[in-house]
Amino acid sequence: MIKHVRAGGRLVAIILVTLFLTFLWWVLGPFKNRTVRGRVAWRHTITGGWARGLLRIMGCRLHVSGYPPDPPFCLVANHLGYLDILVVIATTRARLVSRADLAHWPGIGWLARTFGTIFIERSRIRDIPRVAQDMRRVLADGDGIVFFPEGTSSSGAGVLPFKAPLMSVPAELGLPVHTAAISYDLPGGDATTELCWWGDMTFGDHFWRVLTFSRFNARIHYGSAPIEPADRKTLTAAAFESVEELYLQVPTTQAR
């Protein structure tokens, strides 16, 4: 009973924080968005505050190792579920490349569109050039880009092989690729089945269960040095090795 009361209170708080920051976004936006630099800075003020606020409301203790890159940059990381989005946005100034169906999720899809998420149809190879062009425009604005090359979320048992197509953007631009590894642990539980969102888990049920936990830990470990520019396949292989090495240092596990 106490867990469900906790979850309900947190859900109300999340809705109120989201509505308040969205209100600020629209009301102050015309004054903040007069220049490209101003628009980028204002977006990250709102989205960063939103992500950090939601993690605190959810009882998440966020641990950061290493140093996030300064924009413009291209960052890749492993993918364990929707919580990764909050962890990344809370710790770095970047826009996300996400699967297209997120755009149609009730509420969340509207927020993602409003705050500049780039959507990709992963099953359509013809969508890659459009997404690549969007990524180039974001980088030209002085913003950062984050995407998850595994192409899907996992249980955290390991890092899945990286897919190469989106690596064409940093390869063509001669841009170094930064790496990070995300992991979780849940006191008294198993993060691989209770925090990671993968397989046929439904979002609503999973999110409610996360809200019932008294606390959990999220960790993001940034690599010490970016991968130097190279061709797409070389970048993909090197990025995978870097993320896997970072992840093996603090994997997603049962509570320690």
Protein backbone atom coordinates (compact mmCIF):
# COMPACT_ATOMS: atom_id res chain seq x y z
CA MET A 1 0.00 0.00 0.00
CA ILE A 2 2.78 2.43 0.99
CA LYS A 3 4.58 1.72 -2.29
CA HIS A 4 1.54 2.63 -4.35
CA VAL A 5 0.94 5.82 -2.37
CA ARG A 6 4.59 6.72 -2.98
CA ALA A 7 4.22 6.00 -6.68
CA GLY A 8 1.05 8.07 -6.94
CA GLY A 9 2.65 11.05 -5.22
CA ARG A 10 5.68 10.84 -7.46
CA LEU A 11 3.54 10.65 -10.57
CA VAL A 12 1.68 13.80 -9.58
CA ALA A 13 4.99 15.57 -8.89
CA ILE A 14 6.38 14.50 -12.27
CA ILE A 15 3.31 15.83 -14.06
CA LEU A 16 3.46 19.15 -12.20
CA VAL A 17 7.19 19.66 -12.86
CA THR A 18 6.72 18.78 -16.52
CA LEU A 19 3.79 21.18 -16.92
CA PHE A 20 5.64 23.99 -15.15
CA LEU A 21 8.80 23.67 -17.25
CA THR A 22 6.78 23.35 -20.45
CA PHE A 23 4.94 26.54 -19.50
CA LEU A 24 8.27 28.32 -19.01
CA TRP A 25 9.49 26.96 -22.35
CA TRP A 26 6.59 28.48 -24.26
CA VAL A 27 6.25 31.72 -22.30
CA LEU A 28 9.95 32.70 -22.21
CA GLY A 29 10.88 31.00 -25.48
CA PRO A 30 10.26 34.07 -27.71
CA PHE A 31 12.81 36.03 -25.65
CA LYS A 32 15.35 33.22 -25.32
CA ASN A 33 15.18 31.91 -28.90
CA ARG A 34 16.20 35.06 -30.75
CA THR A 35 19.57 33.56 -31.73
CA VAL A 36 20.73 30.01 -32.46
CA ARG A 37 23.01 30.07 -29.43
CA GLY A 38 20.20 31.36 -27.24
CA ARG A 39 17.80 28.70 -28.49
CA VAL A 40 20.32 25.91 -27.81
CA ALA A 41 21.11 27.21 -24.32
CA TRP A 42 17.43 27.67 -23.43
CA ARG A 43 16.53 24.16 -24.60
CA HIS A 44 19.20 22.62 -22.38
CA THR A 45 18.25 24.76 -19.41
CA ILE A 46 14.73 23.36 -19.61
CA THR A 47 15.49 19.76 -20.58
CA GLY A 48 18.42 19.43 -18.17
CA GLY A 49 16.34 20.77 -15.28
CA TRP A 50 13.48 18.48 -16.24
CA ALA A 51 15.68 15.36 -16.34
CA ARG A 52 17.43 16.11 -13.07
CA GLY A 53 14.13 16.93 -11.41
CA LEU A 54 12.47 13.72 -12.54
CA LEU A 55 15.38 11.58 -11.40
CA ARG A 56 15.27 13.16 -7.95
CA ILE A 57 11.50 12.68 -7.73
CA MET A 58 11.88 9.03 -8.69
CA GLY A 59 14.40 8.45 -5.90
CA CYS A 60 17.36 8.05 -8.24
CA ARG A 61 20.86 8.77 -7.02
CA LEU A 62 22.87 9.78 -10.06
CA HIS A 63 26.60 9.05 -10.10
CA VAL A 64 28.82 10.56 -12.80
CA SER A 65 32.35 9.39 -13.59
CA GLY A 66 34.59 11.22 -16.01
CA TYR A 67 33.69 14.41 -17.83
CA PRO A 68 30.85 14.97 -20.31
CA PRO A 69 32.03 16.42 -23.63
CA ASP A 70 31.52 20.05 -24.56
CA PRO A 71 29.25 20.73 -27.55
CA PRO A 72 29.31 20.32 -30.44
CA PHE A 73 29.97 16.60 -30.07
CA CYS A 74 28.78 13.13 -30.99
CA LEU A 75 28.26 10.76 -28.05
CA VAL A 76 27.30 7.10 -28.12
CA ALA A 77 26.32 4.85 -25.19
CA ASN A 78 24.78 1.50 -24.37
CA HIS A 79 21.00 1.38 -24.03
CA LEU A 80 19.05 -0.15 -21.13
CA GLY A 81 15.71 1.63 -21.49
CA TYR A 82 13.95 4.98 -21.22
CA LEU A 83 15.75 5.89 -17.97
CA ASP A 84 18.91 6.30 -20.05
CA ILE A 85 17.35 9.35 -21.69
CA LEU A 86 17.00 11.11 -18.34
CA VAL A 87 20.53 10.14 -17.31
CA VAL A 88 22.06 11.48 -20.52
CA ILE A 89 20.02 14.70 -20.61
CA ALA A 90 20.74 15.34 -16.93
CA THR A 91 24.50 15.17 -17.41
CA THR A 92 25.24 16.61 -20.83
CA ARG A 93 24.04 19.24 -23.30
CA ALA A 94 22.76 17.25 -26.23
CA ARG A 95 19.81 16.30 -28.39
CA LEU A 96 18.80 12.69 -28.77
CA VAL A 97 18.32 10.47 -31.78
CA SER A 98 15.45 8.15 -30.89
CA ARG A 99 13.25 5.51 -32.47
CA ALA A 100 10.33 6.96 -34.42
CA ASP A 101 7.53 5.34 -32.42
CA LEU A 102 8.48 7.45 -29.38
CA ALA A 103 6.99 10.44 -31.22
CA HIS A 104 3.54 8.84 -30.90
CA TRP A 105 3.65 7.96 -27.19
CA PRO A 106 0.97 9.85 -25.22
CA GLY A 107 2.49 12.91 -23.56
CA ILE A 108 6.09 11.74 -23.87
CA GLY A 109 6.00 11.92 -27.66
CA TRP A 110 4.78 15.50 -27.55
CA LEU A 111 7.57 16.44 -25.15
CA ALA A 112 10.18 14.72 -27.30
CA ARG A 113 9.00 16.59 -30.40
CA THR A 114 8.81 19.90 -28.55
CA PHE A 115 12.36 19.66 -27.26
CA GLY A 116 13.99 18.69 -30.52
CA THR A 117 14.43 14.93 -30.52
CA ILE A 118 15.50 13.53 -33.89
CA PHE A 119 13.40 10.50 -34.81
CA ILE A 120 14.55 7.60 -36.96
CA GLU A 121 12.70 4.71 -38.58
CA ARG A 122 15.24 2.01 -37.76
CA SER A 123 13.58 -0.50 -40.08
CA ARG A 124 13.90 1.82 -43.09
CA ILE A 125 17.42 2.18 -44.42
CA ARG A 126 16.16 5.01 -46.65
CA ASP A 127 15.52 7.10 -43.55
CA ILE A 128 19.24 7.28 -42.71
CA PRO A 129 20.10 10.18 -45.10
CA ARG A 130 17.33 12.36 -43.65
CA VAL A 131 18.41 11.67 -40.08
CA ALA A 132 22.04 12.24 -40.98
CA GLN A 133 21.13 15.64 -42.43
CA ASP A 134 19.26 16.55 -39.25
CA MET A 135 22.27 15.52 -37.18
CA ARG A 136 24.57 17.70 -39.29
CA ARG A 137 22.28 20.68 -38.77
CA VAL A 138 22.22 20.17 -35.00
CA LEU A 139 26.01 19.95 -34.87
CA ALA A 140 26.33 23.06 -37.04
CA ASP A 141 24.19 24.91 -34.47
CA GLY A 142 26.80 24.10 -31.84
CA ASP A 143 24.72 21.44 -30.16
CA GLY A 144 25.58 17.88 -29.12
CA ILE A 145 24.16 14.64 -30.47
CA VAL A 146 23.57 11.41 -28.52
CA PHE A 147 22.43 8.09 -29.93
CA PHE A 148 22.41 4.44 -28.94
CA PRO A 149 24.08 2.32 -31.67
CA GLU A 150 22.77 -0.98 -30.27
CA GLY A 151 19.47 -0.03 -31.91
CA THR A 152 17.42 -1.48 -29.05
CA SER A 153 17.47 -1.69 -25.26
CA SER A 154 18.73 -4.71 -23.37
CA SER A 155 18.74 -6.32 -19.92
CA GLY A 156 22.26 -5.14 -19.20
CA ALA A 157 23.77 -8.63 -19.41
CA GLY A 158 26.27 -7.07 -21.80
CA VAL A 159 26.65 -4.51 -24.56
CA LEU A 160 24.96 -5.55 -27.82
CA PRO A 161 26.80 -5.18 -31.14
CA PHE A 162 26.71 -1.65 -32.55
CA LYS A 163 25.01 -0.83 -35.85
CA ALA A 164 27.03 1.34 -38.20
CA PRO A 165 24.69 3.59 -40.29
CA LEU A 166 24.54 6.68 -38.06
CA MET A 167 28.30 6.60 -37.63
CA SER A 168 28.43 7.97 -41.18
CA VAL A 169 27.81 11.48 -39.81
CA PRO A 170 30.89 11.82 -37.57
CA ALA A 171 32.89 9.89 -40.18
CA GLU A 172 31.97 12.32 -42.95
CA LEU A 173 32.44 15.39 -40.74
CA GLY A 174 35.75 14.20 -39.35
CA LEU A 175 34.29 14.47 -35.84
CA PRO A 176 35.65 12.54 -32.85
CA VAL A 177 33.17 10.18 -31.18
CA HIS A 178 32.78 10.32 -27.41
CA THR A 179 31.61 7.29 -25.45
CA ALA A 180 29.78 6.58 -22.20
CA ALA A 181 28.43 3.56 -20.36
CA ILE A 182 25.20 3.59 -18.35
CA SER A 183 24.40 1.16 -15.54
CA TYR A 184 21.94 0.74 -12.68
CA ASP A 185 21.57 -1.04 -9.40
CA LEU A 186 18.53 -1.46 -7.18
CA PRO A 187 18.92 -2.03 -3.43
CA GLY A 188 17.08 -5.19 -2.55
CA GLY A 189 16.29 -6.03 -6.17
CA ASP A 190 17.63 -6.91 -9.58
CA ALA A 191 18.13 -3.96 -11.91
CA THR A 192 18.29 -6.18 -14.99
CA THR A 193 14.62 -7.11 -14.63
CA GLU A 194 13.21 -4.20 -12.60
CA LEU A 195 14.96 -1.08 -13.94
CA CYS A 196 16.06 -2.03 -17.44
CA TRP A 197 13.21 -1.86 -19.96
CA TRP A 198 13.51 -4.44 -22.70
CA GLY A 199 11.82 -7.33 -24.44
CA ASP A 200 8.02 -7.29 -24.25
CA MET A 201 7.77 -5.14 -21.08
CA THR A 202 4.98 -2.58 -21.35
CA PHE A 203 5.97 1.01 -20.59
CA GLY A 204 3.07 1.90 -18.26
CA ASP A 205 3.44 -1.12 -15.98
CA HIS A 206 7.22 -0.83 -15.89
CA PHE A 207 7.21 2.91 -15.14
CA TRP A 208 4.70 2.50 -12.31
CA ARG A 209 6.85 -0.24 -10.78
CA VAL A 210 9.92 2.01 -10.94
CA LEU A 211 7.98 4.72 -9.09
CA THR A 212 7.27 2.31 -6.22
CA PHE A 213 10.97 1.78 -5.40
CA SER A 214 12.24 3.82 -2.46
CA ARG A 215 15.50 4.54 -4.28
CA PHE A 216 17.87 3.25 -6.94
CA ASN A 217 21.25 4.17 -8.39
CA ALA A 218 22.08 5.25 -11.92
CA ARG A 219 25.65 5.60 -13.12
CA ILE A 220 27.09 7.09 -16.26
CA HIS A 221 30.79 6.66 -16.94
CA TYR A 222 32.24 8.94 -19.61
CA GLY A 223 35.28 7.82 -21.55
CA SER A 224 38.52 9.65 -20.87
CA ALA A 225 39.27 10.40 -24.53
CA PRO A 226 37.18 10.48 -27.73
CA ILE A 227 37.74 8.14 -30.64
CA GLU A 228 39.55 9.98 -33.38
CA PRO A 229 37.86 10.41 -36.79
CA ALA A 230 37.94 7.39 -39.08
CA ASP A 231 35.71 5.62 -41.57
CA ARG A 232 32.26 4.50 -40.45
CA LYS A 233 33.05 0.85 -39.77
CA THR A 234 36.27 1.62 -37.92
CA LEU A 235 34.45 4.17 -35.74
CA THR A 236 31.68 1.68 -35.02
CA ALA A 237 34.08 -1.06 -33.94
CA ALA A 238 36.20 1.28 -31.81
CA ALA A 239 33.13 2.85 -30.16
CA PHE A 240 31.76 -0.58 -29.27
CA GLU A 241 35.05 -1.62 -27.69
CA SER A 242 35.21 1.60 -25.68
CA VAL A 243 31.63 1.38 -24.38
CA GLU A 244 32.02 -2.30 -23.55
CA GLU A 245 35.21 -1.60 -21.60
CA LEU A 246 33.54 1.22 -19.67
CA TYR A 247 30.46 -0.91 -18.97
CA LEU A 248 32.43 -3.86 -17.65
CA GLN A 249 33.82 -1.61 -14.94
CA VAL A 250 30.35 -0.97 -13.41
CA PRO A 251 27.75 -3.28 -14.98
CA THR A 252 24.03 -3.36 -14.28
CA THR A 253 23.62 -5.92 -11.51
CA GLN A 254 21.73 -6.96 -8.46
CA ALA A 255 22.21 -4.62 -5.50
CA ARG A 256 25.68 -4.72 -4.04
